[in-house]
N, C-alpha and C. Protein backbone atom coordinates (compact mmCIF):
# COMPACT_ATOMS: atom_id res chain seq x y z
N UNK A 1 128.44 298.87 174.90
CA UNK A 1 126.97 298.24 174.27
C UNK A 1 125.97 298.65 174.05
N UNK A 2 125.06 299.04 172.84
CA UNK A 2 124.45 299.66 173.02
C UNK A 2 122.76 299.11 174.11
N UNK A 3 122.04 300.28 173.90
CA UNK A 3 120.45 300.41 174.17
C UNK A 3 119.74 300.57 173.28
N UNK A 4 118.48 299.23 173.80
CA UNK A 4 117.31 299.28 172.87
C UNK A 4 115.91 299.73 172.92
N UNK A 5 116.14 301.08 172.44
CA UNK A 5 115.02 301.48 171.87
C UNK A 5 113.88 300.99 170.52
N UNK A 6 112.57 300.28 171.04
CA UNK A 6 112.03 301.05 170.13
C UNK A 6 111.07 301.38 169.49
N UNK A 7 110.36 301.37 168.20
CA UNK A 7 109.75 302.40 167.77
C UNK A 7 108.87 302.02 167.05
N UNK A 8 107.38 302.44 166.80
CA UNK A 8 106.49 302.09 166.05
C UNK A 8 106.01 302.43 164.71
N UNK A 9 106.12 302.05 163.74
CA UNK A 9 105.28 302.58 162.35
C UNK A 9 103.99 302.12 162.92
N UNK A 10 103.34 303.46 162.63
CA UNK A 10 101.58 303.21 163.04
C UNK A 10 101.08 304.39 161.37
N UNK A 11 100.20 303.49 160.29
CA UNK A 11 100.24 303.76 159.37
C UNK A 11 98.40 304.16 159.38
N UNK A 12 97.95 305.31 158.38
CA UNK A 12 96.93 305.36 158.66
C UNK A 12 96.52 305.47 157.36
N UNK A 13 95.76 305.78 156.06
CA UNK A 13 95.22 305.95 154.91
C UNK A 13 96.32 306.61 154.34
N UNK A 14 97.15 305.95 154.24
CA UNK A 14 98.62 305.91 153.80
C UNK A 14 99.63 306.81 153.98
N UNK A 15 99.66 306.80 154.92
CA UNK A 15 100.48 308.33 155.91
C UNK A 15 101.14 307.80 157.16
N UNK A 16 102.19 307.61 157.83
CA UNK A 16 102.89 307.38 158.69
C UNK A 16 102.79 308.53 160.08
N UNK A 17 102.82 308.01 161.19
CA UNK A 17 102.48 308.94 162.23
C UNK A 17 104.00 309.07 162.93
N UNK A 18 104.11 310.48 163.08
CA UNK A 18 105.21 311.48 163.46
C UNK A 18 104.56 311.98 164.97
N UNK A 19 105.84 311.91 165.69
CA UNK A 19 105.48 312.81 167.23
C UNK A 19 106.52 314.03 167.26
N UNK A 20 106.47 314.52 167.63
CA UNK A 20 106.98 315.98 168.67
C UNK A 20 107.44 316.32 169.69
N UNK A 21 108.65 315.67 169.80
CA UNK A 21 109.03 315.75 171.70
C UNK A 21 109.18 317.50 172.57
N UNK A 22 108.25 317.55 173.25
CA UNK A 22 108.43 318.79 173.59
C UNK A 22 109.22 318.50 175.11
N UNK A 23 110.13 317.94 175.70
CA UNK A 23 110.54 317.88 176.63
C UNK A 23 111.86 316.91 176.33
N UNK A 24 113.08 316.89 177.45
CA UNK A 24 114.47 316.23 177.40
C UNK A 24 115.24 316.50 176.10
N UNK A 25 116.25 315.41 175.79
CA UNK A 25 117.28 315.69 175.41
C UNK A 25 116.59 315.68 174.06
N UNK A 26 115.93 315.69 173.27
CA UNK A 26 115.60 315.77 172.37
C UNK A 26 114.50 316.47 171.92
N UNK A 27 114.37 317.85 172.22
CA UNK A 27 113.36 318.81 172.79
C UNK A 27 113.17 319.12 171.41
N UNK A 28 111.38 319.85 170.94
CA UNK A 28 111.40 320.19 169.10
C UNK A 28 111.89 319.28 168.22
N UNK A 29 112.69 317.93 168.85
CA UNK A 29 112.95 316.66 167.56
C UNK A 29 111.42 315.39 167.06
N UNK A 30 111.23 315.52 166.27
CA UNK A 30 110.21 314.43 165.50
C UNK A 30 111.06 313.01 165.50
N UNK A 31 110.26 312.20 165.95
CA UNK A 31 110.41 310.75 166.27
C UNK A 31 109.37 310.18 165.90
N UNK A 32 109.87 308.20 165.82
CA UNK A 32 108.63 307.64 165.91
C UNK A 32 108.14 307.10 167.14
N UNK A 33 106.95 307.09 167.44
CA UNK A 33 106.56 306.91 168.79
C UNK A 33 107.37 305.51 169.55
N UNK A 34 107.83 305.98 170.43
CA UNK A 34 107.87 303.92 171.32
C UNK A 34 108.84 304.06 172.38
N UNK A 35 109.98 303.45 173.02
CA UNK A 35 111.26 303.61 174.17
C UNK A 35 111.98 302.66 174.38
N UNK A 36 112.06 302.91 175.95
CA UNK A 36 113.37 301.86 175.59
C UNK A 36 113.20 301.17 176.68
N UNK A 37 113.02 299.43 175.94
CA UNK A 37 113.16 298.76 176.73
C UNK A 37 113.93 298.10 178.41
N UNK A 38 112.98 297.70 179.15
CA UNK A 38 112.91 297.25 180.60
C UNK A 38 113.95 295.77 180.49
N UNK A 39 114.51 295.46 181.86
CA UNK A 39 114.87 294.26 182.06
C UNK A 39 114.06 293.37 182.05
N UNK A 40 114.03 291.87 180.78
CA UNK A 40 113.18 290.97 180.83
C UNK A 40 112.09 291.25 180.43
N UNK A 41 112.11 292.61 179.37
CA UNK A 41 111.03 292.66 178.51
C UNK A 41 111.15 292.33 177.01
N UNK A 42 110.41 291.76 176.09
CA UNK A 42 110.12 291.42 175.24
C UNK A 42 109.84 293.38 174.44
N UNK A 43 110.68 292.93 173.04
CA UNK A 43 110.67 293.84 172.04
C UNK A 43 109.23 294.67 172.30
N UNK A 44 108.11 293.46 171.88
CA UNK A 44 106.61 293.52 171.19
C UNK A 44 105.74 294.17 172.61
N UNK A 45 106.12 293.34 173.30
CA UNK A 45 105.58 294.11 175.03
C UNK A 45 106.03 295.80 175.69
N UNK A 46 107.50 295.91 175.70
CA UNK A 46 107.88 297.14 176.02
C UNK A 46 107.07 298.35 174.54
N UNK A 47 107.02 297.79 173.05
CA UNK A 47 106.46 299.02 172.40
C UNK A 47 104.75 299.40 172.82
N UNK A 48 104.23 297.79 172.90
CA UNK A 48 102.96 298.53 173.41
C UNK A 48 102.71 298.66 174.89
N UNK A 49 103.84 298.73 176.26
CA UNK A 49 103.57 299.39 176.75
C UNK A 49 103.69 300.83 176.92
N UNK A 50 104.77 301.31 176.16
CA UNK A 50 105.40 303.19 175.33
C UNK A 50 104.01 303.16 174.77
N UNK A 51 103.44 302.60 174.04
CA UNK A 51 102.59 303.53 173.52
C UNK A 51 101.03 303.36 174.28
N UNK A 52 100.66 302.70 175.33
CA UNK A 52 99.94 303.41 176.08
C UNK A 52 100.09 304.43 177.21
N UNK A 53 101.80 304.53 177.87
CA UNK A 53 101.59 305.04 178.47
C UNK A 53 102.14 306.45 177.95
N UNK A 54 103.35 306.90 176.82
CA UNK A 54 102.77 307.96 176.07
C UNK A 54 102.21 308.53 175.67
N UNK A 55 101.12 307.96 174.87
CA UNK A 55 100.23 308.34 173.68
C UNK A 55 98.52 307.81 174.12
N UNK A 56 98.45 306.43 175.27
CA UNK A 56 97.27 306.53 175.24
C UNK A 56 96.61 305.77 174.41
N UNK A 57 97.53 305.56 173.77
CA UNK A 57 96.76 303.70 173.07
C UNK A 57 96.74 302.55 173.00
N UNK A 58 96.45 301.47 172.56
CA UNK A 58 96.63 300.06 172.43
C UNK A 58 96.01 299.51 171.01
N UNK A 59 97.19 298.48 171.05
CA UNK A 59 96.68 297.87 170.38
C UNK A 59 97.97 296.87 169.97
N UNK A 60 98.17 296.17 169.02
CA UNK A 60 99.50 295.23 168.60
C UNK A 60 100.63 295.25 168.25
N UNK A 61 101.66 295.26 168.17
CA UNK A 61 102.84 295.24 167.71
C UNK A 61 102.92 294.09 166.68
N UNK A 62 103.15 294.81 165.12
CA UNK A 62 103.37 293.25 164.00
C UNK A 62 104.73 293.16 163.71
N UNK A 63 105.54 293.39 162.37
CA UNK A 63 106.53 292.70 161.43
C UNK A 63 107.71 293.50 162.04
N UNK A 64 108.89 293.02 162.00
CA UNK A 64 110.08 294.18 162.28
C UNK A 64 109.67 294.22 161.28
N UNK A 65 110.77 295.67 161.52
CA UNK A 65 111.15 296.53 159.72
C UNK A 65 112.61 296.54 159.26
N UNK A 66 112.96 297.56 160.31
CA UNK A 66 114.86 297.95 160.34
C UNK A 66 115.25 298.25 161.39
N UNK A 67 116.13 298.87 161.70
CA UNK A 67 116.63 299.44 162.88
C UNK A 67 117.86 300.66 162.16
N UNK A 68 118.67 301.39 163.50
CA UNK A 68 119.19 301.93 163.15
C UNK A 68 120.02 301.86 164.64
N UNK A 69 121.61 302.12 164.01
CA UNK A 69 122.40 302.31 165.12
C UNK A 69 123.31 303.69 165.32
N UNK A 70 123.07 304.67 166.49
CA UNK A 70 123.15 305.82 166.53
C UNK A 70 123.75 306.10 167.73
N UNK A 71 125.32 306.84 167.34
CA UNK A 71 126.26 307.05 169.51
C UNK A 71 125.56 308.51 169.26
N UNK A 72 125.14 308.80 170.21
CA UNK A 72 124.59 310.39 171.21
C UNK A 72 125.63 310.39 171.59
N UNK A 73 125.54 311.65 172.06
CA UNK A 73 126.44 311.68 173.17
C UNK A 73 126.49 311.36 174.55
N UNK A 74 125.01 310.74 175.46
CA UNK A 74 124.77 310.48 176.05
C UNK A 74 125.15 308.59 176.09
N UNK A 75 125.10 308.43 175.20
CA UNK A 75 125.63 306.65 174.79
C UNK A 75 124.82 306.41 173.63
N UNK A 76 125.06 305.23 172.87
CA UNK A 76 124.71 304.95 171.53
C UNK A 76 123.25 303.65 171.93
N UNK A 77 122.34 303.94 170.92
CA UNK A 77 121.04 302.85 170.89
C UNK A 77 121.46 302.83 169.82
N UNK A 78 120.17 301.29 170.32
CA UNK A 78 119.94 300.67 168.55
C UNK A 78 118.28 301.24 168.99
N UNK A 79 118.07 301.35 167.81
CA UNK A 79 116.52 301.54 167.70
C UNK A 79 115.74 300.71 166.69
N UNK A 80 115.47 299.87 166.83
CA UNK A 80 114.12 299.15 166.12
C UNK A 80 113.11 299.16 166.09
N UNK A 81 112.01 298.72 164.58
CA UNK A 81 111.24 299.62 163.81
C UNK A 81 110.72 298.69 163.91
N UNK A 82 109.64 298.85 164.34
CA UNK A 82 108.01 297.63 164.31
C UNK A 82 106.86 297.82 163.30
N UNK A 83 106.10 297.71 162.95
CA UNK A 83 104.83 297.59 162.61
C UNK A 83 103.82 297.16 163.12
N UNK A 84 102.77 298.22 163.75
CA UNK A 84 102.23 298.96 164.51
C UNK A 84 100.72 298.89 164.27
N UNK A 85 99.82 297.88 165.09
CA UNK A 85 98.30 298.15 164.50
C UNK A 85 97.55 298.56 165.53
N UNK A 86 97.69 300.43 165.16
CA UNK A 86 96.39 300.80 166.66
C UNK A 86 94.60 300.07 166.54
N UNK A 87 94.87 299.75 167.56
CA UNK A 87 93.45 298.97 167.94
C UNK A 87 92.14 299.90 168.20
N UNK A 88 93.22 300.57 169.41
CA UNK A 88 92.11 301.06 170.32
C UNK A 88 92.46 302.62 171.08
N UNK A 89 92.01 303.61 171.75
CA UNK A 89 92.35 304.86 172.14
C UNK A 89 92.60 305.74 171.37
N UNK A 90 93.10 307.16 171.73
CA UNK A 90 93.06 308.02 170.97
C UNK A 90 94.55 308.75 171.29
N UNK A 91 94.55 309.52 170.57
CA UNK A 91 96.12 309.93 170.97
C UNK A 91 95.76 311.61 172.05
N UNK A 92 96.94 310.68 172.96
CA UNK A 92 97.07 312.24 173.83
C UNK A 92 98.49 312.28 174.39
N UNK A 93 99.00 313.58 174.15
CA UNK A 93 100.48 314.20 174.11
C UNK A 93 100.95 314.10 175.58
N UNK A 94 101.41 313.94 175.78
CA UNK A 94 101.76 312.93 177.43
C UNK A 94 103.18 313.65 177.00
N UNK A 95 104.22 313.45 175.91
CA UNK A 95 106.26 313.67 176.18
C UNK A 95 105.88 314.32 174.75
N UNK A 96 104.29 314.00 173.79
CA UNK A 96 105.21 314.95 172.47
C UNK A 96 104.35 316.59 173.31
N UNK A 97 104.34 317.63 172.34
CA UNK A 97 103.82 318.54 171.68
C UNK A 97 103.04 318.49 170.13
N UNK A 98 103.15 317.33 169.62
CA UNK A 98 102.57 317.74 167.75
C UNK A 98 102.75 316.21 167.52
N UNK A 99 101.80 316.07 166.99
CA UNK A 99 101.46 314.83 166.39
C UNK A 99 101.19 314.67 164.78
N UNK A 100 102.07 313.96 163.69
CA UNK A 100 101.91 314.41 162.64
C UNK A 100 101.56 313.43 161.81
N UNK A 101 100.39 313.10 160.94
CA UNK A 101 100.05 312.47 159.53
C UNK A 101 101.25 312.62 158.40
N UNK A 102 102.21 311.53 158.47
CA UNK A 102 103.06 311.98 156.92
C UNK A 102 103.22 310.71 155.84
N UNK A 103 103.21 311.53 154.40
CA UNK A 103 103.45 311.26 153.61
C UNK A 103 104.98 310.23 153.77
N UNK A 104 104.64 309.28 153.29
CA UNK A 104 106.61 308.65 153.75
C UNK A 104 107.75 309.37 152.67
N UNK A 105 107.17 309.94 152.13
CA UNK A 105 108.26 310.75 151.51
C UNK A 105 108.41 311.81 151.88
N UNK A 106 108.04 312.31 152.57
CA UNK A 106 108.28 313.65 153.40
C UNK A 106 108.44 313.19 154.96
N UNK A 107 108.76 312.59 155.28
CA UNK A 107 109.63 312.00 156.53
C UNK A 107 110.56 313.00 156.53
N UNK A 108 111.40 312.22 155.42
CA UNK A 108 112.74 312.88 155.89
C UNK A 108 113.12 314.48 155.89
N UNK A 109 111.66 315.59 155.21
CA UNK A 109 111.53 317.12 155.90
C UNK A 109 111.87 317.25 156.93
N UNK A 110 111.06 316.60 158.30
CA UNK A 110 111.19 316.93 158.95
C UNK A 110 112.59 317.31 160.07
N UNK A 111 112.55 317.50 161.00
CA UNK A 111 113.55 317.64 161.90
C UNK A 111 113.82 316.64 162.93
N UNK A 112 114.15 315.57 162.40
CA UNK A 112 113.70 314.05 163.42
C UNK A 112 115.19 313.85 164.30
N UNK A 113 114.59 313.16 164.91
CA UNK A 113 115.99 312.80 165.82
C UNK A 113 117.03 312.08 164.71
N UNK A 114 118.23 312.32 165.47
CA UNK A 114 119.30 311.19 164.48
C UNK A 114 119.05 309.69 164.25
N UNK A 115 118.33 308.69 165.53
CA UNK A 115 118.43 307.62 164.87
C UNK A 115 117.34 307.16 164.22
N UNK A 116 116.11 308.13 163.93
CA UNK A 116 115.08 308.30 163.44
C UNK A 116 115.27 308.37 161.95
N UNK A 117 116.09 308.98 161.72
CA UNK A 117 116.58 309.12 160.02
C UNK A 117 116.72 308.24 159.48
N UNK A 118 117.38 306.99 159.37
CA UNK A 118 117.24 306.04 158.38
C UNK A 118 116.15 305.28 158.23
N UNK A 119 115.55 305.47 159.46
CA UNK A 119 113.88 304.36 159.25
C UNK A 119 113.64 305.33 158.89
N UNK A 120 113.11 306.39 158.62
CA UNK A 120 112.36 307.19 157.73
C UNK A 120 112.61 306.98 156.34
N UNK A 121 114.38 307.07 156.31
CA UNK A 121 115.02 306.79 154.69
C UNK A 121 114.03 305.30 154.01
N UNK A 122 114.19 304.32 155.11
CA UNK A 122 113.43 303.46 154.65
C UNK A 122 112.23 303.06 154.19
N UNK A 123 111.72 303.84 155.21
CA UNK A 123 109.94 303.87 154.94
C UNK A 123 109.65 304.71 153.78
N UNK A 124 110.85 305.65 153.26
CA UNK A 124 110.22 306.84 152.02
C UNK A 124 110.38 306.27 151.03
N UNK A 125 111.63 304.80 151.22
CA UNK A 125 112.14 303.81 149.85
C UNK A 125 111.15 303.22 149.66
N UNK A 126 110.24 302.76 150.65
CA UNK A 126 109.41 301.60 150.20
C UNK A 126 109.30 300.87 150.47
């Protein structure tokens, strides 16, 4: 059974926020910020918790956009992407070493984590 992971699509000025991991199995890979669902937690609550913990930002989870199923050597994940309305806080680099605002069409040029690639394609196609 796939582990559910949620990620945020945060937009500003026509661009989308991408983050580069600085440790763990995806070191140096770009991703949409988010994290793993905990037992009994809704996907929306998970995304809001993860963005507060990892980036220091708060806001509201919006509409579901798309999902990607990917089998990594360590297990299969189902990555579910949601719009996210960033309302307060400034980005803190806690588990990432870079944050970039990227044009949707340019997302596919990043060295993305494999599960994030289909989501980038979805966003680029608009």
